[in-house]
Amino acid sequence: RTLRQHRELILNYFRAQKLFSSGVVEGLNNKAKVTMRKSYGFRTYRVLELALYHSLAKLPEPEQTHEFF
């Protein structure tokens, strides 16, 4: 039953076996895990989401992140 349910996905794996490498996906997963590990203490999910965008997409950092009075 499980094989029948996922038949198309399994067949896609064999069709694209030499066209794609899973190394890129593993690298992105590792970057995301490291960012989440370093983000311990973030108070909201939105801040974690922004940290992931910056680390995975190489977004530019803002010129000034903190404002001191």
PDB file of N, CA and C in Angstrom:
ATOM      1  N   ARG A   1       0.827  -1.198   0.000  1.00  0.00           N
ATOM      2  CA  ARG A   1       0.000   0.000   0.000  1.00  0.00           C
ATOM      3  C   ARG A   1       0.869   1.260   0.000  1.00  0.00           C
ATOM      4  N   THR A   2       1.899   1.300   0.836  1.00  0.00           N
ATOM      5  CA  THR A   2       2.749   2.484   0.900  1.00  0.00           C
ATOM      6  C   THR A   2       3.464   2.720  -0.422  1.00  0.00           C
ATOM      7  N   LEU A   3       3.931   1.662  -1.044  1.00  0.00           N
ATOM      8  CA  LEU A   3       4.600   1.811  -2.336  1.00  0.00           C
ATOM      9  C   LEU A   3       3.647   2.343  -3.396  1.00  0.00           C
ATOM     10  N   ARG A   4       2.427   1.896  -3.357  1.00  0.00           N
ATOM     11  CA  ARG A   4       1.438   2.391  -4.324  1.00  0.00           C
ATOM     12  C   ARG A   4       1.139   3.867  -4.084  1.00  0.00           C
ATOM     13  N   GLN A   5       1.094   4.246  -2.826  1.00  0.00           N
ATOM     14  CA  GLN A   5       0.804   5.646  -2.487  1.00  0.00           C
ATOM     15  C   GLN A   5       1.896   6.581  -3.004  1.00  0.00           C
ATOM     16  N   HIS A   6       3.134   6.152  -2.905  1.00  0.00           N
ATOM     17  CA  HIS A   6       4.272   7.005  -3.260  1.00  0.00           C
ATOM     18  C   HIS A   6       4.925   6.583  -4.569  1.00  0.00           C
ATOM     19  N   ARG A   7       4.184   5.912  -5.395  1.00  0.00           N
ATOM     20  CA  ARG A   7       4.721   5.356  -6.638  1.00  0.00           C
ATOM     21  C   ARG A   7       5.373   6.423  -7.511  1.00  0.00           C
ATOM     22  N   GLU A   8       4.689   7.544  -7.726  1.00  0.00           N
ATOM     23  CA  GLU A   8       5.214   8.593  -8.605  1.00  0.00           C
ATOM     24  C   GLU A   8       6.511   9.188  -8.065  1.00  0.00           C
ATOM     25  N   LEU A   9       6.569   9.407  -6.756  1.00  0.00           N
ATOM     26  CA  LEU A   9       7.786   9.965  -6.168  1.00  0.00           C
ATOM     27  C   LEU A   9       8.954   8.998  -6.293  1.00  0.00           C
ATOM     28  N   ILE A  10       8.694   7.728  -6.093  1.00  0.00           N
ATOM     29  CA  ILE A  10       9.746   6.716  -6.218  1.00  0.00           C
ATOM     30  C   ILE A  10      10.234   6.637  -7.660  1.00  0.00           C
ATOM     31  N   LEU A  11       9.305   6.656  -8.604  1.00  0.00           N
ATOM     32  CA  LEU A  11       9.699   6.608 -10.012  1.00  0.00           C
ATOM     33  C   LEU A  11      10.457   7.870 -10.425  1.00  0.00           C
ATOM     34  N   ASN A  12      10.095   9.017  -9.877  1.00  0.00           N
ATOM     35  CA  ASN A  12      10.836  10.252 -10.165  1.00  0.00           C
ATOM     36  C   ASN A  12      12.286  10.143  -9.722  1.00  0.00           C
ATOM     37  N   TYR A  13      12.520   9.477  -8.612  1.00  0.00           N
ATOM     38  CA  TYR A  13      13.885   9.288  -8.130  1.00  0.00           C
ATOM     39  C   TYR A  13      14.713   8.544  -9.173  1.00  0.00           C
ATOM     40  N   PHE A  14      14.157   7.485  -9.727  1.00  0.00           N
ATOM     41  CA  PHE A  14      14.907   6.701 -10.704  1.00  0.00           C
ATOM     42  C   PHE A  14      15.048   7.432 -12.037  1.00  0.00           C
ATOM     43  N   ARG A  15      14.066   8.235 -12.401  1.00  0.00           N
ATOM     44  CA  ARG A  15      14.145   8.987 -13.659  1.00  0.00           C
ATOM     45  C   ARG A  15      15.236  10.055 -13.604  1.00  0.00           C
ATOM     46  N   ALA A  16      15.394  10.698 -12.488  1.00  0.00           N
ATOM     47  CA  ALA A  16      16.330  11.818 -12.371  1.00  0.00           C
ATOM     48  C   ALA A  16      17.585  11.453 -11.599  1.00  0.00           C
ATOM     49  N   GLN A  17      17.939  10.198 -11.578  1.00  0.00           N
ATOM     50  CA  GLN A  17      19.033   9.738 -10.719  1.00  0.00           C
ATOM     51  C   GLN A  17      20.355  10.446 -11.000  1.00  0.00           C
ATOM     52  N   LYS A  18      20.721  10.621 -12.240  1.00  0.00           N
ATOM     53  CA  LYS A  18      22.016  11.225 -12.522  1.00  0.00           C
ATOM     54  C   LYS A  18      21.908  12.698 -12.889  1.00  0.00           C
ATOM     55  N   LEU A  19      20.718  13.235 -12.896  1.00  0.00           N
ATOM     56  CA  LEU A  19      20.550  14.634 -13.266  1.00  0.00           C
ATOM     57  C   LEU A  19      20.746  15.582 -12.090  1.00  0.00           C
ATOM     58  N   PHE A  20      20.418  15.135 -10.896  1.00  0.00           N
ATOM     59  CA  PHE A  20      20.481  16.001  -9.726  1.00  0.00           C
ATOM     60  C   PHE A  20      21.294  15.341  -8.628  1.00  0.00           C
ATOM     61  N   SER A  21      21.967  16.178  -7.867  1.00  0.00           N
ATOM     62  CA  SER A  21      22.727  15.688  -6.723  1.00  0.00           C
ATOM     63  C   SER A  21      22.032  16.161  -5.451  1.00  0.00           C
ATOM     64  N   SER A  22      22.006  15.326  -4.464  1.00  0.00           N
ATOM     65  CA  SER A  22      21.378  15.721  -3.205  1.00  0.00           C
ATOM     66  C   SER A  22      22.334  16.533  -2.338  1.00  0.00           C
ATOM     67  N   GLY A  23      23.558  16.740  -2.805  1.00  0.00           N
ATOM     68  CA  GLY A  23      24.535  17.507  -2.041  1.00  0.00           C
ATOM     69  C   GLY A  23      24.102  18.940  -1.794  1.00  0.00           C
ATOM     70  N   VAL A  24      23.476  19.549  -2.776  1.00  0.00           N
ATOM     71  CA  VAL A  24      23.020  20.933  -2.629  1.00  0.00           C
ATOM     72  C   VAL A  24      21.946  21.022  -1.553  1.00  0.00           C
ATOM     73  N   VAL A  25      21.017  20.097  -1.591  1.00  0.00           N
ATOM     74  CA  VAL A  25      19.933  20.091  -0.602  1.00  0.00           C
ATOM     75  C   VAL A  25      20.495  19.825   0.789  1.00  0.00           C
ATOM     76  N   GLU A  26      21.441  18.895   0.889  1.00  0.00           N
ATOM     77  CA  GLU A  26      22.055  18.606   2.187  1.00  0.00           C
ATOM     78  C   GLU A  26      22.796  19.835   2.717  1.00  0.00           C
ATOM     79  N   GLY A  27      23.449  20.571   1.837  1.00  0.00           N
ATOM     80  CA  GLY A  27      24.142  21.785   2.253  1.00  0.00           C
ATOM     81  C   GLY A  27      23.185  22.841   2.778  1.00  0.00           C
ATOM     82  N   LEU A  28      22.053  23.019   2.090  1.00  0.00           N
ATOM     83  CA  LEU A  28      21.051  23.985   2.561  1.00  0.00           C
ATOM     84  C   LEU A  28      20.457  23.554   3.897  1.00  0.00           C
ATOM     85  N   ASN A  29      20.189  22.260   4.036  1.00  0.00           N
ATOM     86  CA  ASN A  29      19.662  21.760   5.310  1.00  0.00           C
ATOM     87  C   ASN A  29      20.658  22.006   6.436  1.00  0.00           C
ATOM     88  N   ASN A  30      21.939  21.777   6.162  1.00  0.00           N
ATOM     89  CA  ASN A  30      22.956  21.983   7.188  1.00  0.00           C
ATOM     90  C   ASN A  30      23.042  23.460   7.572  1.00  0.00           C
ATOM     91  N   LYS A  31      23.003  24.356   6.577  1.00  0.00           N
ATOM     92  CA  LYS A  31      23.035  25.791   6.878  1.00  0.00           C
ATOM     93  C   LYS A  31      21.846  26.203   7.734  1.00  0.00           C
ATOM     94  N   ALA A  32      20.676  25.669   7.417  1.00  0.00           N
ATOM     95  CA  ALA A  32      19.476  26.000   8.189  1.00  0.00           C
ATOM     96  C   ALA A  32      19.600  25.494   9.620  1.00  0.00           C
ATOM     97  N   LYS A  33      20.113  24.282   9.795  1.00  0.00           N
ATOM     98  CA  LYS A  33      20.271  23.727  11.146  1.00  0.00           C
ATOM     99  C   LYS A  33      21.265  24.538  11.968  1.00  0.00           C
ATOM    100  N   VAL A  34      22.374  24.945  11.347  1.00  0.00           N
ATOM    101  CA  VAL A  34      23.376  25.737  12.063  1.00  0.00           C
ATOM    102  C   VAL A  34      22.799  27.093  12.449  1.00  0.00           C
ATOM    103  N   THR A  35      22.052  27.711  11.556  1.00  0.00           N
ATOM    104  CA  THR A  35      21.433  29.007  11.864  1.00  0.00           C
ATOM    105  C   THR A  35      20.454  28.870  13.018  1.00  0.00           C
ATOM    106  N   MET A  36      19.655  27.810  13.007  1.00  0.00           N
ATOM    107  CA  MET A  36      18.695  27.616  14.102  1.00  0.00           C
ATOM    108  C   MET A  36      19.423  27.319  15.409  1.00  0.00           C
ATOM    109  N   ARG A  37      20.535  26.618  15.350  1.00  0.00           N
ATOM    110  CA  ARG A  37      21.301  26.332  16.555  1.00  0.00           C
ATOM    111  C   ARG A  37      21.892  27.618  17.124  1.00  0.00           C
ATOM    112  N   LYS A  38      22.367  28.502  16.249  1.00  0.00           N
ATOM    113  CA  LYS A  38      22.943  29.768  16.698  1.00  0.00           C
ATOM    114  C   LYS A  38      21.877  30.755  17.152  1.00  0.00           C
ATOM    115  N   SER A  39      20.633  30.535  16.772  1.00  0.00           N
ATOM    116  CA  SER A  39      19.576  31.491  17.083  1.00  0.00           C
ATOM    117  C   SER A  39      18.885  31.189  18.401  1.00  0.00           C
ATOM    118  N   TYR A  40      19.482  30.375  19.234  1.00  0.00           N
ATOM    119  CA  TYR A  40      18.889  30.071  20.529  1.00  0.00           C
ATOM    120  C   TYR A  40      18.691  31.369  21.297  1.00  0.00           C
ATOM    121  N   GLY A  41      17.496  31.620  21.754  1.00  0.00           N
ATOM    122  CA  GLY A  41      17.204  32.825  22.506  1.00  0.00           C
ATOM    123  C   GLY A  41      16.422  33.860  21.721  1.00  0.00           C
ATOM    124  N   PHE A  42      16.227  33.640  20.435  1.00  0.00           N
ATOM    125  CA  PHE A  42      15.378  34.559  19.687  1.00  0.00           C
ATOM    126  C   PHE A  42      13.976  34.475  20.264  1.00  0.00           C
ATOM    127  N   ARG A  43      13.331  35.609  20.389  1.00  0.00           N
ATOM    128  CA  ARG A  43      12.047  35.626  21.089  1.00  0.00           C
ATOM    129  C   ARG A  43      10.852  35.319  20.206  1.00  0.00           C
ATOM    130  N   THR A  44      10.979  35.551  18.916  1.00  0.00           N
ATOM    131  CA  THR A  44       9.842  35.302  18.037  1.00  0.00           C
ATOM    132  C   THR A  44      10.279  34.458  16.844  1.00  0.00           C
ATOM    133  N   TYR A  45       9.307  33.811  16.250  1.00  0.00           N
ATOM    134  CA  TYR A  45       9.581  33.017  15.058  1.00  0.00           C
ATOM    135  C   TYR A  45       9.980  33.915  13.897  1.00  0.00           C
ATOM    136  N   ARG A  46       9.443  35.128  13.850  1.00  0.00           N
ATOM    137  CA  ARG A  46       9.748  36.058  12.755  1.00  0.00           C
ATOM    138  C   ARG A  46      11.239  36.389  12.718  1.00  0.00           C
ATOM    139  N   VAL A  47      11.855  36.563  13.870  1.00  0.00           N
ATOM    140  CA  VAL A  47      13.286  36.872  13.920  1.00  0.00           C
ATOM    141  C   VAL A  47      14.093  35.682  13.410  1.00  0.00           C
ATOM    142  N   LEU A  48      13.692  34.475  13.799  1.00  0.00           N
ATOM    143  CA  LEU A  48      14.358  33.274  13.292  1.00  0.00           C
ATOM    144  C   LEU A  48      14.197  33.177  11.782  1.00  0.00           C
ATOM    145  N   GLU A  49      13.019  33.489  11.294  1.00  0.00           N
ATOM    146  CA  GLU A  49      12.761  33.444   9.854  1.00  0.00           C
ATOM    147  C   GLU A  49      13.671  34.426   9.108  1.00  0.00           C
ATOM    148  N   LEU A  50      13.838  35.623   9.643  1.00  0.00           N
ATOM    149  CA  LEU A  50      14.728  36.605   9.019  1.00  0.00           C
ATOM    150  C   LEU A  50      16.178  36.134   9.046  1.00  0.00           C
ATOM    151  N   ALA A  51      16.586  35.504  10.146  1.00  0.00           N
ATOM    152  CA  ALA A  51      17.952  34.977  10.226  1.00  0.00           C
ATOM    153  C   ALA A  51      18.171  33.896   9.174  1.00  0.00           C
ATOM    154  N   LEU A  52      17.174  33.051   8.953  1.00  0.00           N
ATOM    155  CA  LEU A  52      17.289  32.019   7.921  1.00  0.00           C
ATOM    156  C   LEU A  52      17.368  32.647   6.534  1.00  0.00           C
ATOM    157  N   TYR A  53      16.554  33.671   6.276  1.00  0.00           N
ATOM    158  CA  TYR A  53      16.620  34.356   4.980  1.00  0.00           C
ATOM    159  C   TYR A  53      18.015  34.934   4.747  1.00  0.00           C
ATOM    160  N   HIS A  54      18.589  35.544   5.771  1.00  0.00           N
ATOM    161  CA  HIS A  54      19.910  36.154   5.620  1.00  0.00           C
ATOM    162  C   HIS A  54      20.992  35.110   5.398  1.00  0.00           C
ATOM    163  N   SER A  55      20.907  33.983   6.081  1.00  0.00           N
ATOM    164  CA  SER A  55      21.972  32.990   5.934  1.00  0.00           C
ATOM    165  C   SER A  55      21.822  32.167   4.660  1.00  0.00           C
ATOM    166  N   LEU A  56      20.607  31.861   4.256  1.00  0.00           N
ATOM    167  CA  LEU A  56      20.410  31.008   3.083  1.00  0.00           C
ATOM    168  C   LEU A  56      20.417  31.794   1.778  1.00  0.00           C
ATOM    169  N   ALA A  57      19.916  33.009   1.797  1.00  0.00           N
ATOM    170  CA  ALA A  57      19.803  33.775   0.561  1.00  0.00           C
ATOM    171  C   ALA A  57      20.899  34.820   0.421  1.00  0.00           C
ATOM    172  N   LYS A  58      21.771  34.911   1.405  1.00  0.00           N
ATOM    173  CA  LYS A  58      22.849  35.901   1.392  1.00  0.00           C
ATOM    174  C   LYS A  58      22.310  37.315   1.200  1.00  0.00           C
ATOM    175  N   LEU A  59      21.246  37.628   1.932  1.00  0.00           N
ATOM    176  CA  LEU A  59      20.682  38.974   1.873  1.00  0.00           C
ATOM    177  C   LEU A  59      21.637  39.952   2.548  1.00  0.00           C
ATOM    178  N   PRO A  60      21.690  41.188   2.089  1.00  0.00           N
ATOM    179  CA  PRO A  60      22.594  42.158   2.715  1.00  0.00           C
ATOM    180  C   PRO A  60      22.112  42.516   4.119  1.00  0.00           C
ATOM    181  N   GLU A  61      23.061  42.713   4.993  1.00  0.00           N
ATOM    182  CA  GLU A  61      22.734  43.135   6.352  1.00  0.00           C
ATOM    183  C   GLU A  61      22.343  44.610   6.319  1.00  0.00           C
ATOM    184  N   PRO A  62      21.425  45.024   7.176  1.00  0.00           N
ATOM    185  CA  PRO A  62      21.086  46.449   7.230  1.00  0.00           C
ATOM    186  C   PRO A  62      22.293  47.259   7.702  1.00  0.00           C
ATOM    187  N   GLU A  63      22.357  48.531   7.296  1.00  0.00           N
ATOM    188  CA  GLU A  63      23.495  49.368   7.672  1.00  0.00           C
ATOM    189  C   GLU A  63      23.589  49.526   9.184  1.00  0.00           C
ATOM    190  N   GLN A  64      22.453  49.715   9.814  1.00  0.00           N
ATOM    191  CA  GLN A  64      22.445  49.913  11.257  1.00  0.00           C
ATOM    192  C   GLN A  64      21.391  48.992  11.852  1.00  0.00           C
ATOM    193  N   THR A  65      21.822  48.075  12.697  1.00  0.00           N
ATOM    194  CA  THR A  65      20.868  47.130  13.257  1.00  0.00           C
ATOM    195  C   THR A  65      20.348  47.574  14.611  1.00  0.00           C
ATOM    196  N   HIS A  66      21.155  48.346  15.357  1.00  0.00           N
ATOM    197  CA  HIS A  66      20.732  48.804  16.680  1.00  0.00           C
ATOM    198  C   HIS A  66      20.879  50.317  16.751  1.00  0.00           C
ATOM    199  N   GLU A  67      20.024  50.896  17.520  1.00  0.00           N
ATOM    200  CA  GLU A  67      20.102  52.334  17.712  1.00  0.00           C
ATOM    201  C   GLU A  67      20.294  52.594  19.193  1.00  0.00           C
ATOM    202  N   PHE A  68      21.404  53.220  19.534  1.00  0.00           N
ATOM    203  CA  PHE A  68      21.686  53.509  20.935  1.00  0.00           C
ATOM    204  C   PHE A  68      21.373  54.971  21.209  1.00  0.00           C
ATOM    205  N   PHE A  69      20.769  55.224  22.343  1.00  0.00           N
ATOM    206  CA  PHE A  69      20.358  56.587  22.680  1.00  0.00           C
ATOM    207  C   PHE A  69      21.423  57.306  23.450  1.00  0.00           C
TER     208      PHE A  69
END
